[in-house]
Amino acid sequence: MEGLELTAFQIISAVGTARSSYIEAIRAAKSGDFDGAKKLIKEGDEMFVEGHNAHAGLLEKEANGEVGPLGLLMVHAEDQLMSAEAFKTIALEFIDSYERIEKLEAKVKELEK
């Protein structure tokens, strides 16, 4: 495997791992492990950058006329890239929400004493 197919699989692999990290970050935050959640976001970001860089390299080649028609595999790779990006946004919102909920619950417990 080489060329366009290899690049597509590099994107799919990297951003798929990133998306999984973002989902795990939500789970960590839900259980109250906010440091773990933030670490998972960082790990996801590192993998996302790998996929993004592969995608950017492909865009550069296409702009230079070095890439022929793109097939369904590349469409899938781009879909996965965008999905991972959306999951990061969602994960960050969930982490923030769970942190706020935990703080509010602590305040309520303190008031109940």
C-alpha atoms as a PDB file:
ATOM      1  CA  MET A   1       0.000   0.000   0.000  1.00  0.00           C
ATOM      2  CA  GLU A   2       1.330   3.390  -0.891  1.00  0.00           C
ATOM      3  CA  GLY A   3       0.419   6.908  -1.825  1.00  0.00           C
ATOM      4  CA  LEU A   4      -3.114   8.056  -1.313  1.00  0.00           C
ATOM      5  CA  GLU A   5      -4.339   4.868   0.386  1.00  0.00           C
ATOM      6  CA  LEU A   6      -1.501   4.948   2.890  1.00  0.00           C
ATOM      7  CA  THR A   7      -2.158   8.596   3.704  1.00  0.00           C
ATOM      8  CA  ALA A   8      -5.877   7.880   4.154  1.00  0.00           C
ATOM      9  CA  PHE A   9      -5.137   5.049   6.571  1.00  0.00           C
ATOM     10  CA  GLN A  10      -2.632   7.218   8.463  1.00  0.00           C
ATOM     11  CA  ILE A  11      -5.332   9.853   8.924  1.00  0.00           C
ATOM     12  CA  ILE A  12      -7.978   7.295   9.929  1.00  0.00           C
ATOM     13  CA  SER A  13      -5.673   5.601  12.430  1.00  0.00           C
ATOM     14  CA  ALA A  14      -4.379   8.768  14.061  1.00  0.00           C
ATOM     15  CA  VAL A  15      -7.686  10.595  14.372  1.00  0.00           C
ATOM     16  CA  GLY A  16      -9.495   7.420  15.417  1.00  0.00           C
ATOM     17  CA  THR A  17      -7.074   7.105  18.315  1.00  0.00           C
ATOM     18  CA  ALA A  18      -7.579  10.789  19.103  1.00  0.00           C
ATOM     19  CA  ARG A  19     -11.358  10.385  19.124  1.00  0.00           C
ATOM     20  CA  SER A  20     -11.060   7.404  21.471  1.00  0.00           C
ATOM     21  CA  SER A  21      -8.923   9.504  23.832  1.00  0.00           C
ATOM     22  CA  TYR A  22     -11.520  12.264  23.813  1.00  0.00           C
ATOM     23  CA  ILE A  23     -14.296   9.771  24.633  1.00  0.00           C
ATOM     24  CA  GLU A  24     -12.199   8.304  27.449  1.00  0.00           C
ATOM     25  CA  ALA A  25     -11.633  11.850  28.731  1.00  0.00           C
ATOM     26  CA  ILE A  26     -15.400  12.281  29.083  1.00  0.00           C
ATOM     27  CA  ARG A  27     -15.598   9.022  31.047  1.00  0.00           C
ATOM     28  CA  ALA A  28     -12.725  10.088  33.288  1.00  0.00           C
ATOM     29  CA  ALA A  29     -14.372  13.440  33.997  1.00  0.00           C
ATOM     30  CA  LYS A  30     -17.682  11.740  34.728  1.00  0.00           C
ATOM     31  CA  SER A  31     -15.967   9.677  37.414  1.00  0.00           C
ATOM     32  CA  GLY A  32     -14.329  12.811  38.864  1.00  0.00           C
ATOM     33  CA  ASP A  33     -10.830  12.226  37.482  1.00  0.00           C
ATOM     34  CA  PHE A  34     -10.309  15.666  35.980  1.00  0.00           C
ATOM     35  CA  ASP A  35      -6.523  15.419  35.839  1.00  0.00           C
ATOM     36  CA  GLY A  36      -6.865  12.133  33.961  1.00  0.00           C
ATOM     37  CA  ALA A  37      -9.407  13.692  31.631  1.00  0.00           C
ATOM     38  CA  LYS A  38      -7.090  16.566  30.815  1.00  0.00           C
ATOM     39  CA  LYS A  39      -4.229  14.133  30.235  1.00  0.00           C
ATOM     40  CA  LEU A  40      -6.398  12.154  27.822  1.00  0.00           C
ATOM     41  CA  ILE A  41      -7.318  15.348  25.965  1.00  0.00           C
ATOM     42  CA  LYS A  42      -3.605  16.117  25.595  1.00  0.00           C
ATOM     43  CA  GLU A  43      -2.887  12.582  24.336  1.00  0.00           C
ATOM     44  CA  GLY A  44      -5.773  12.897  21.894  1.00  0.00           C
ATOM     45  CA  ASP A  45      -4.444  16.223  20.680  1.00  0.00           C
ATOM     46  CA  GLU A  46      -1.042  14.680  19.946  1.00  0.00           C
ATOM     47  CA  MET A  47      -2.647  11.980  17.813  1.00  0.00           C
ATOM     48  CA  PHE A  48      -4.992  14.462  16.146  1.00  0.00           C
ATOM     49  CA  VAL A  49      -1.999  16.552  15.067  1.00  0.00           C
ATOM     50  CA  GLU A  50      -0.498  13.486  13.372  1.00  0.00           C
ATOM     51  CA  GLY A  51      -3.689  12.968  11.390  1.00  0.00           C
ATOM     52  CA  HIS A  52      -4.030  16.652  10.665  1.00  0.00           C
ATOM     53  CA  ASN A  53      -0.444  16.842   9.410  1.00  0.00           C
ATOM     54  CA  ALA A  54      -1.017  13.892   7.066  1.00  0.00           C
ATOM     55  CA  HIS A  55      -4.164  15.600   5.798  1.00  0.00           C
ATOM     56  CA  ALA A  56      -2.388  18.941   5.346  1.00  0.00           C
ATOM     57  CA  GLY A  57       0.372  17.225   3.376  1.00  0.00           C
ATOM     58  CA  LEU A  58      -2.238  15.717   1.111  1.00  0.00           C
ATOM     59  CA  LEU A  59      -3.898  19.091   0.590  1.00  0.00           C
ATOM     60  CA  GLU A  60      -0.544  20.582  -0.339  1.00  0.00           C
ATOM     61  CA  LYS A  61       0.064  17.829  -2.878  1.00  0.00           C
ATOM     62  CA  GLU A  62      -3.384  18.317  -4.356  1.00  0.00           C
ATOM     63  CA  ALA A  63      -2.826  22.080  -4.634  1.00  0.00           C
ATOM     64  CA  ASN A  64       0.375  21.327  -6.555  1.00  0.00           C
ATOM     65  CA  GLY A  65      -1.475  18.986  -8.918  1.00  0.00           C
ATOM     66  CA  GLU A  66       0.253  15.887  -7.563  1.00  0.00           C
ATOM     67  CA  VAL A  67      -2.921  14.025  -6.512  1.00  0.00           C
ATOM     68  CA  GLY A  68      -5.502  12.527  -8.800  1.00  0.00           C
ATOM     69  CA  PRO A  69      -9.168  11.952  -8.031  1.00  0.00           C
ATOM     70  CA  LEU A  70     -10.008  11.215  -4.421  1.00  0.00           C
ATOM     71  CA  GLY A  71     -12.068   8.142  -3.610  1.00  0.00           C
ATOM     72  CA  LEU A  72     -14.390   6.966  -0.889  1.00  0.00           C
ATOM     73  CA  LEU A  73     -11.483   6.005   1.370  1.00  0.00           C
ATOM     74  CA  MET A  74     -10.284   9.608   1.499  1.00  0.00           C
ATOM     75  CA  VAL A  75     -13.823  10.851   2.091  1.00  0.00           C
ATOM     76  CA  HIS A  76     -13.980   8.451   5.041  1.00  0.00           C
ATOM     77  CA  ALA A  77     -10.628   9.726   6.335  1.00  0.00           C
ATOM     78  CA  GLU A  78     -11.834  13.323   6.218  1.00  0.00           C
ATOM     79  CA  ASP A  79     -15.089  12.329   7.916  1.00  0.00           C
ATOM     80  CA  GLN A  80     -13.099  10.700  10.714  1.00  0.00           C
ATOM     81  CA  LEU A  81     -10.920  13.799  11.041  1.00  0.00           C
ATOM     82  CA  MET A  82     -13.943  16.052  11.449  1.00  0.00           C
ATOM     83  CA  SER A  83     -15.599  13.603  13.832  1.00  0.00           C
ATOM     84  CA  ALA A  84     -12.534  13.598  16.080  1.00  0.00           C
ATOM     85  CA  GLU A  85     -12.450  17.379  16.075  1.00  0.00           C
ATOM     86  CA  ALA A  86     -16.121  17.502  17.072  1.00  0.00           C
ATOM     87  CA  PHE A  87     -15.575  14.966  19.847  1.00  0.00           C
ATOM     88  CA  LYS A  88     -12.811  17.124  21.293  1.00  0.00           C
ATOM     89  CA  THR A  89     -15.179  20.086  21.465  1.00  0.00           C
ATOM     90  CA  ILE A  90     -17.829  17.928  23.116  1.00  0.00           C
ATOM     91  CA  ALA A  91     -15.304  16.388  25.527  1.00  0.00           C
ATOM     92  CA  LEU A  92     -14.072  19.800  26.659  1.00  0.00           C
ATOM     93  CA  GLU A  93     -17.656  20.895  27.316  1.00  0.00           C
ATOM     94  CA  PHE A  94     -18.401  17.725  29.293  1.00  0.00           C
ATOM     95  CA  ILE A  95     -15.237  18.086  31.360  1.00  0.00           C
ATOM     96  CA  ASP A  96     -16.138  21.669  32.202  1.00  0.00           C
ATOM     97  CA  SER A  97     -19.709  20.661  33.069  1.00  0.00           C
ATOM     98  CA  TYR A  98     -18.632  17.769  35.294  1.00  0.00           C
ATOM     99  CA  GLU A  99     -16.163  20.027  37.103  1.00  0.00           C
ATOM    100  CA  ARG A 100     -18.897  22.585  37.719  1.00  0.00           C
ATOM    101  CA  ILE A 101     -21.323  19.902  38.912  1.00  0.00           C
ATOM    102  CA  GLU A 102     -18.747  18.525  41.337  1.00  0.00           C
ATOM    103  CA  LYS A 103     -18.083  21.998  42.771  1.00  0.00           C
ATOM    104  CA  LEU A 104     -21.796  22.678  43.144  1.00  0.00           C
ATOM    105  CA  GLU A 105     -22.360  19.329  44.840  1.00  0.00           C
ATOM    106  CA  ALA A 106     -19.543  20.115  47.269  1.00  0.00           C
ATOM    107  CA  LYS A 107     -21.165  23.463  48.082  1.00  0.00           C
ATOM    108  CA  VAL A 108     -24.549  21.800  48.651  1.00  0.00           C
ATOM    109  CA  LYS A 109     -22.973  19.223  50.983  1.00  0.00           C
ATOM    110  CA  GLU A 110     -21.251  22.016  52.871  1.00  0.00           C
ATOM    111  CA  LEU A 111     -24.550  23.890  53.284  1.00  0.00           C
ATOM    112  CA  GLU A 112     -26.294  20.742  54.506  1.00  0.00           C
ATOM    113  CA  LYS A 113     -23.867  20.421  57.444  1.00  0.00           C
END
